[in-house]
Amino acid sequence: VEGKTYIYVPDTLKALQDIARSRRLKKEIPVVAVTGSNGKTTTKELTSAILGKRYRVLKNIGNLNNHIGLPLSLAKMEDEDEAVVLEMGASRPGEIKQLCDIALPYCGVLTNIGLAHLEGFGDIETVRRTKLELLDYVKVAVVNADDAFMMEGIKVAGFKGKICRYGIKNTAEV
């Protein structure tokens, strides 16, 4: 088509993810990643609403939280954006790592570890290990102190960053 520019790429998904990562790397702003078995979308919406009172916040639309949706959301980053809140979903091992490689989050929020999407993981331990992949990227982890299984995994993982616990039953900062 005349007047149009086309760029050939051997893998369109990889190109989309590379574009999103490139957009992320061009701007030094805080990225908050939200993951867990339940409550990701609500937590992402609440977090972005709170931050939005002071900053211009980019967030995933709805629950576009996978290897396609997250890069589509991140690729929309604009110069005016001051913070990013991204929901990260996973249905198999390695997916949180893949999303973190694109988004490079500074802070991670872990809602809980449960039996959601167990078919892609095989067992609850693999779900926990996958969700905790987030800890390899973040400097601050906001975690559910009432989820003993998750807290045990964080301890075993040896996370060296700052932990902020929230909860009702167990000792927590919030």
C-alpha atoms as a PDB file:
ATOM      1  CA  VAL A   1       0.000   0.000   0.000  1.00  0.00           C
ATOM      2  CA  GLU A   2       1.428   3.321  -1.032  1.00  0.00           C
ATOM      3  CA  GLY A   3       2.235   5.780   1.760  1.00  0.00           C
ATOM      4  CA  LYS A   4       2.523   3.059   4.387  1.00  0.00           C
ATOM      5  CA  THR A   5       5.652   1.721   6.030  1.00  0.00           C
ATOM      6  CA  TYR A   6       5.886  -1.955   6.841  1.00  0.00           C
ATOM      7  CA  ILE A   7       8.441  -3.585   9.070  1.00  0.00           C
ATOM      8  CA  TYR A   8       8.932  -7.303   8.748  1.00  0.00           C
ATOM      9  CA  VAL A   9       9.630  -9.188  11.956  1.00  0.00           C
ATOM     10  CA  PRO A  10      10.049 -12.952  12.199  1.00  0.00           C
ATOM     11  CA  ASP A  11       8.024 -13.133  15.447  1.00  0.00           C
ATOM     12  CA  THR A  12       5.277 -10.558  16.014  1.00  0.00           C
ATOM     13  CA  LEU A  13       4.748 -11.496  19.681  1.00  0.00           C
ATOM     14  CA  LYS A  14       8.452 -11.071  20.434  1.00  0.00           C
ATOM     15  CA  ALA A  15       8.419  -7.744  18.575  1.00  0.00           C
ATOM     16  CA  LEU A  16       5.456  -6.536  20.659  1.00  0.00           C
ATOM     17  CA  GLN A  17       7.205  -7.547  23.875  1.00  0.00           C
ATOM     18  CA  ASP A  18      10.442  -5.877  22.733  1.00  0.00           C
ATOM     19  CA  ILE A  19       8.574  -2.649  21.910  1.00  0.00           C
ATOM     20  CA  ALA A  20       6.979  -2.645  25.376  1.00  0.00           C
ATOM     21  CA  ARG A  21      10.307  -3.275  27.106  1.00  0.00           C
ATOM     22  CA  SER A  22      11.961  -0.542  25.037  1.00  0.00           C
ATOM     23  CA  ARG A  23       9.212   1.939  26.017  1.00  0.00           C
ATOM     24  CA  ARG A  24       9.705   0.933  29.658  1.00  0.00           C
ATOM     25  CA  LEU A  25      13.481   1.403  29.510  1.00  0.00           C
ATOM     26  CA  LYS A  26      13.146   4.923  28.066  1.00  0.00           C
ATOM     27  CA  LYS A  27      11.484   6.228  31.201  1.00  0.00           C
ATOM     28  CA  GLU A  28      12.695   6.006  34.800  1.00  0.00           C
ATOM     29  CA  ILE A  29       9.390   5.785  36.635  1.00  0.00           C
ATOM     30  CA  PRO A  30       8.186   3.399  39.315  1.00  0.00           C
ATOM     31  CA  VAL A  31       6.450   0.254  38.106  1.00  0.00           C
ATOM     32  CA  VAL A  32       4.245  -1.655  40.524  1.00  0.00           C
ATOM     33  CA  ALA A  33       3.488  -5.278  39.604  1.00  0.00           C
ATOM     34  CA  VAL A  34       0.467  -7.017  41.112  1.00  0.00           C
ATOM     35  CA  THR A  35       0.209 -10.800  41.111  1.00  0.00           C
ATOM     36  CA  GLY A  36      -1.427 -13.595  43.057  1.00  0.00           C
ATOM     37  CA  SER A  37      -4.058 -16.242  42.593  1.00  0.00           C
ATOM     38  CA  ASN A  38      -7.033 -13.977  43.359  1.00  0.00           C
ATOM     39  CA  GLY A  39      -7.729 -10.269  43.657  1.00  0.00           C
ATOM     40  CA  LYS A  40      -5.211  -9.029  41.098  1.00  0.00           C
ATOM     41  CA  THR A  41      -7.559  -6.809  39.107  1.00  0.00           C
ATOM     42  CA  THR A  42      -9.176  -5.242  42.174  1.00  0.00           C
ATOM     43  CA  THR A  43      -5.770  -4.638  43.792  1.00  0.00           C
ATOM     44  CA  LYS A  44      -4.422  -3.116  40.566  1.00  0.00           C
ATOM     45  CA  GLU A  45      -7.453  -0.821  40.291  1.00  0.00           C
ATOM     46  CA  LEU A  46      -7.238   0.291  43.935  1.00  0.00           C
ATOM     47  CA  THR A  47      -3.472   0.851  43.748  1.00  0.00           C
ATOM     48  CA  SER A  48      -3.708   2.890  40.558  1.00  0.00           C
ATOM     49  CA  ALA A  49      -6.639   4.926  41.971  1.00  0.00           C
ATOM     50  CA  ILE A  50      -4.652   5.792  45.095  1.00  0.00           C
ATOM     51  CA  LEU A  51      -1.507   6.685  43.152  1.00  0.00           C
ATOM     52  CA  GLY A  52      -3.672   8.545  40.635  1.00  0.00           C
ATOM     53  CA  LYS A  53      -4.563  11.122  43.276  1.00  0.00           C
ATOM     54  CA  ARG A  54      -1.020  12.467  43.021  1.00  0.00           C
ATOM     55  CA  TYR A  55       0.518  11.028  39.811  1.00  0.00           C
ATOM     56  CA  ARG A  56      -0.451  10.314  36.239  1.00  0.00           C
ATOM     57  CA  VAL A  57      -0.703   6.511  36.249  1.00  0.00           C
ATOM     58  CA  LEU A  58      -0.636   4.015  33.393  1.00  0.00           C
ATOM     59  CA  LYS A  59      -2.327   0.679  34.138  1.00  0.00           C
ATOM     60  CA  ASN A  60      -3.467  -2.406  32.268  1.00  0.00           C
ATOM     61  CA  ILE A  61      -6.970  -2.086  30.897  1.00  0.00           C
ATOM     62  CA  GLY A  62      -9.264  -4.628  32.553  1.00  0.00           C
ATOM     63  CA  ASN A  63      -7.346  -7.815  33.110  1.00  0.00           C
ATOM     64  CA  LEU A  64      -4.966  -7.642  30.136  1.00  0.00           C
ATOM     65  CA  ASN A  65      -2.330  -9.271  32.304  1.00  0.00           C
ATOM     66  CA  ASN A  66      -0.612 -11.907  30.183  1.00  0.00           C
ATOM     67  CA  HIS A  67       2.276 -12.074  27.683  1.00  0.00           C
ATOM     68  CA  ILE A  68       0.139 -10.184  25.118  1.00  0.00           C
ATOM     69  CA  GLY A  69      -2.019  -7.878  27.247  1.00  0.00           C
ATOM     70  CA  LEU A  70       0.743  -6.533  29.485  1.00  0.00           C
ATOM     71  CA  PRO A  71       3.002  -5.489  26.573  1.00  0.00           C
ATOM     72  CA  LEU A  72       0.004  -3.914  24.804  1.00  0.00           C
ATOM     73  CA  SER A  73      -0.675  -1.869  27.938  1.00  0.00           C
ATOM     74  CA  LEU A  74       2.966  -0.921  28.534  1.00  0.00           C
ATOM     75  CA  ALA A  75       3.464   0.077  24.887  1.00  0.00           C
ATOM     76  CA  LYS A  76       0.921   2.868  25.510  1.00  0.00           C
ATOM     77  CA  MET A  77       3.234   4.624  27.975  1.00  0.00           C
ATOM     78  CA  GLU A  78       3.327   8.367  27.344  1.00  0.00           C
ATOM     79  CA  ASP A  79       5.823  11.046  28.345  1.00  0.00           C
ATOM     80  CA  GLU A  80       3.340  12.420  30.883  1.00  0.00           C
ATOM     81  CA  ASP A  81       3.021   9.104  32.783  1.00  0.00           C
ATOM     82  CA  GLU A  82       4.625   9.209  36.232  1.00  0.00           C
ATOM     83  CA  ALA A  83       3.903   5.700  37.526  1.00  0.00           C
ATOM     84  CA  VAL A  84       2.786   2.332  36.167  1.00  0.00           C
ATOM     85  CA  VAL A  85       0.632  -0.306  37.854  1.00  0.00           C
ATOM     86  CA  LEU A  86       0.525  -3.633  36.046  1.00  0.00           C
ATOM     87  CA  GLU A  87      -1.440  -6.742  36.844  1.00  0.00           C
ATOM     88  CA  MET A  88       0.548  -9.896  36.079  1.00  0.00           C
ATOM     89  CA  GLY A  89      -1.257 -13.172  35.551  1.00  0.00           C
ATOM     90  CA  ALA A  90       0.230 -16.595  35.046  1.00  0.00           C
ATOM     91  CA  SER A  91      -1.137 -19.961  34.031  1.00  0.00           C
ATOM     92  CA  ARG A  92       2.182 -21.811  33.804  1.00  0.00           C
ATOM     93  CA  PRO A  93       5.684 -21.635  35.316  1.00  0.00           C
ATOM     94  CA  GLY A  94       7.936 -18.875  34.018  1.00  0.00           C
ATOM     95  CA  GLU A  95       5.192 -16.452  33.015  1.00  0.00           C
ATOM     96  CA  ILE A  96       5.738 -13.969  35.866  1.00  0.00           C
ATOM     97  CA  LYS A  97       9.455 -13.949  35.041  1.00  0.00           C
ATOM     98  CA  GLN A  98       8.621 -13.261  31.399  1.00  0.00           C
ATOM     99  CA  LEU A  99       6.356 -10.345  32.325  1.00  0.00           C
ATOM    100  CA  CYS A 100       8.929  -8.945  34.758  1.00  0.00           C
ATOM    101  CA  ASP A 101      11.600  -9.103  32.045  1.00  0.00           C
ATOM    102  CA  ILE A 102       9.358  -6.767  30.021  1.00  0.00           C
ATOM    103  CA  ALA A 103       8.063  -4.431  32.759  1.00  0.00           C
ATOM    104  CA  LEU A 104      11.067  -4.333  35.138  1.00  0.00           C
ATOM    105  CA  PRO A 105       8.986  -3.575  38.250  1.00  0.00           C
ATOM    106  CA  TYR A 106      10.343  -1.794  41.304  1.00  0.00           C
ATOM    107  CA  CYS A 107       7.574  -2.831  43.684  1.00  0.00           C
ATOM    108  CA  GLY A 108       5.556  -6.033  43.749  1.00  0.00           C
ATOM    109  CA  VAL A 109       2.226  -6.748  45.408  1.00  0.00           C
ATOM    110  CA  LEU A 110       1.448 -10.403  46.161  1.00  0.00           C
ATOM    111  CA  THR A 111      -2.225 -10.949  46.970  1.00  0.00           C
ATOM    112  CA  ASN A 112      -2.264 -14.666  47.802  1.00  0.00           C
ATOM    113  CA  ILE A 113      -1.353 -18.156  46.638  1.00  0.00           C
ATOM    114  CA  GLY A 114      -4.311 -20.390  45.817  1.00  0.00           C
ATOM    115  CA  LEU A 115      -5.576 -23.127  43.562  1.00  0.00           C
ATOM    116  CA  ALA A 116      -6.563 -20.910  40.602  1.00  0.00           C
ATOM    117  CA  HIS A 117      -5.241 -22.174  37.230  1.00  0.00           C
ATOM    118  CA  LEU A 118      -3.811 -25.278  38.877  1.00  0.00           C
ATOM    119  CA  GLU A 119      -4.128 -27.210  35.595  1.00  0.00           C
ATOM    120  CA  GLY A 120      -1.214 -25.234  34.113  1.00  0.00           C
ATOM    121  CA  PHE A 121       0.987 -25.678  37.169  1.00  0.00           C
ATOM    122  CA  GLY A 122       0.341 -29.211  38.348  1.00  0.00           C
ATOM    123  CA  ASP A 123       0.552 -28.450  42.073  1.00  0.00           C
ATOM    124  CA  ILE A 124       0.241 -25.597  44.552  1.00  0.00           C
ATOM    125  CA  GLU A 125       4.001 -25.473  45.183  1.00  0.00           C
ATOM    126  CA  THR A 126       4.571 -24.667  41.496  1.00  0.00           C
ATOM    127  CA  VAL A 127       1.912 -21.931  41.697  1.00  0.00           C
ATOM    128  CA  ARG A 128       3.778 -20.398  44.647  1.00  0.00           C
ATOM    129  CA  ARG A 129       7.178 -20.683  42.987  1.00  0.00           C
ATOM    130  CA  THR A 130       5.802 -19.010  39.838  1.00  0.00           C
ATOM    131  CA  LYS A 131       4.132 -16.112  41.658  1.00  0.00           C
ATOM    132  CA  LEU A 132       7.275 -15.587  43.730  1.00  0.00           C
ATOM    133  CA  GLU A 133       9.341 -15.159  40.536  1.00  0.00           C
ATOM    134  CA  LEU A 134       8.379 -11.520  41.077  1.00  0.00           C
ATOM    135  CA  LEU A 135      10.782 -11.320  44.029  1.00  0.00           C
ATOM    136  CA  ASP A 136      13.779 -11.680  41.702  1.00  0.00           C
ATOM    137  CA  TYR A 137      12.944  -8.257  40.205  1.00  0.00           C
ATOM    138  CA  VAL A 138      11.530  -5.999  42.900  1.00  0.00           C
ATOM    139  CA  LYS A 139      13.158  -3.957  45.649  1.00  0.00           C
ATOM    140  CA  VAL A 140       9.918  -3.722  47.672  1.00  0.00           C
ATOM    141  CA  ALA A 141       7.387  -6.519  48.178  1.00  0.00           C
ATOM    142  CA  VAL A 142       3.936  -5.819  49.596  1.00  0.00           C
ATOM    143  CA  VAL A 143       2.689  -9.180  50.839  1.00  0.00           C
ATOM    144  CA  ASN A 144      -0.341 -10.758  52.479  1.00  0.00           C
ATOM    145  CA  ALA A 145       0.777 -11.663  56.015  1.00  0.00           C
ATOM    146  CA  ASP A 146      -2.354 -13.784  56.470  1.00  0.00           C
ATOM    147  CA  ASP A 147      -1.296 -16.207  53.711  1.00  0.00           C
ATOM    148  CA  ALA A 148       1.040 -18.518  55.656  1.00  0.00           C
ATOM    149  CA  PHE A 149       1.890 -20.600  52.574  1.00  0.00           C
ATOM    150  CA  MET A 150       3.011 -17.517  50.664  1.00  0.00           C
ATOM    151  CA  MET A 151       4.939 -16.127  53.637  1.00  0.00           C
ATOM    152  CA  GLU A 152       6.778 -19.438  54.013  1.00  0.00           C
ATOM    153  CA  GLY A 153       7.758 -19.271  50.330  1.00  0.00           C
ATOM    154  CA  ILE A 154       9.060 -15.728  50.704  1.00  0.00           C
ATOM    155  CA  LYS A 155      11.187 -16.804  53.656  1.00  0.00           C
ATOM    156  CA  VAL A 156      12.575 -19.794  51.734  1.00  0.00           C
ATOM    157  CA  ALA A 157      13.266 -17.590  48.695  1.00  0.00           C
ATOM    158  CA  GLY A 158      15.519 -15.397  50.840  1.00  0.00           C
ATOM    159  CA  PHE A 159      14.152 -12.105  49.520  1.00  0.00           C
ATOM    160  CA  LYS A 160      16.656  -9.344  50.371  1.00  0.00           C
ATOM    161  CA  GLY A 161      14.489  -6.319  49.610  1.00  0.00           C
ATOM    162  CA  LYS A 162      12.078  -4.421  51.815  1.00  0.00           C
ATOM    163  CA  ILE A 163       8.912  -6.266  52.839  1.00  0.00           C
ATOM    164  CA  CYS A 164       5.688  -4.500  53.771  1.00  0.00           C
ATOM    165  CA  ARG A 165       3.116  -6.914  55.199  1.00  0.00           C
ATOM    166  CA  TYR A 166      -0.628  -6.314  55.204  1.00  0.00           C
ATOM    167  CA  GLY A 167      -3.233  -8.409  56.932  1.00  0.00           C
ATOM    168  CA  ILE A 168      -5.826  -8.813  59.664  1.00  0.00           C
ATOM    169  CA  LYS A 169      -4.902 -11.941  61.606  1.00  0.00           C
ATOM    170  CA  ASN A 170      -1.106 -11.834  61.626  1.00  0.00           C
ATOM    171  CA  THR A 171       1.439  -9.154  62.496  1.00  0.00           C
ATOM    172  CA  ALA A 172       1.593  -6.623  59.695  1.00  0.00           C
ATOM    173  CA  GLU A 173       2.605  -3.035  59.034  1.00  0.00           C
ATOM    174  CA  VAL A 174      -0.784  -2.410  57.406  1.00  0.00           C
END
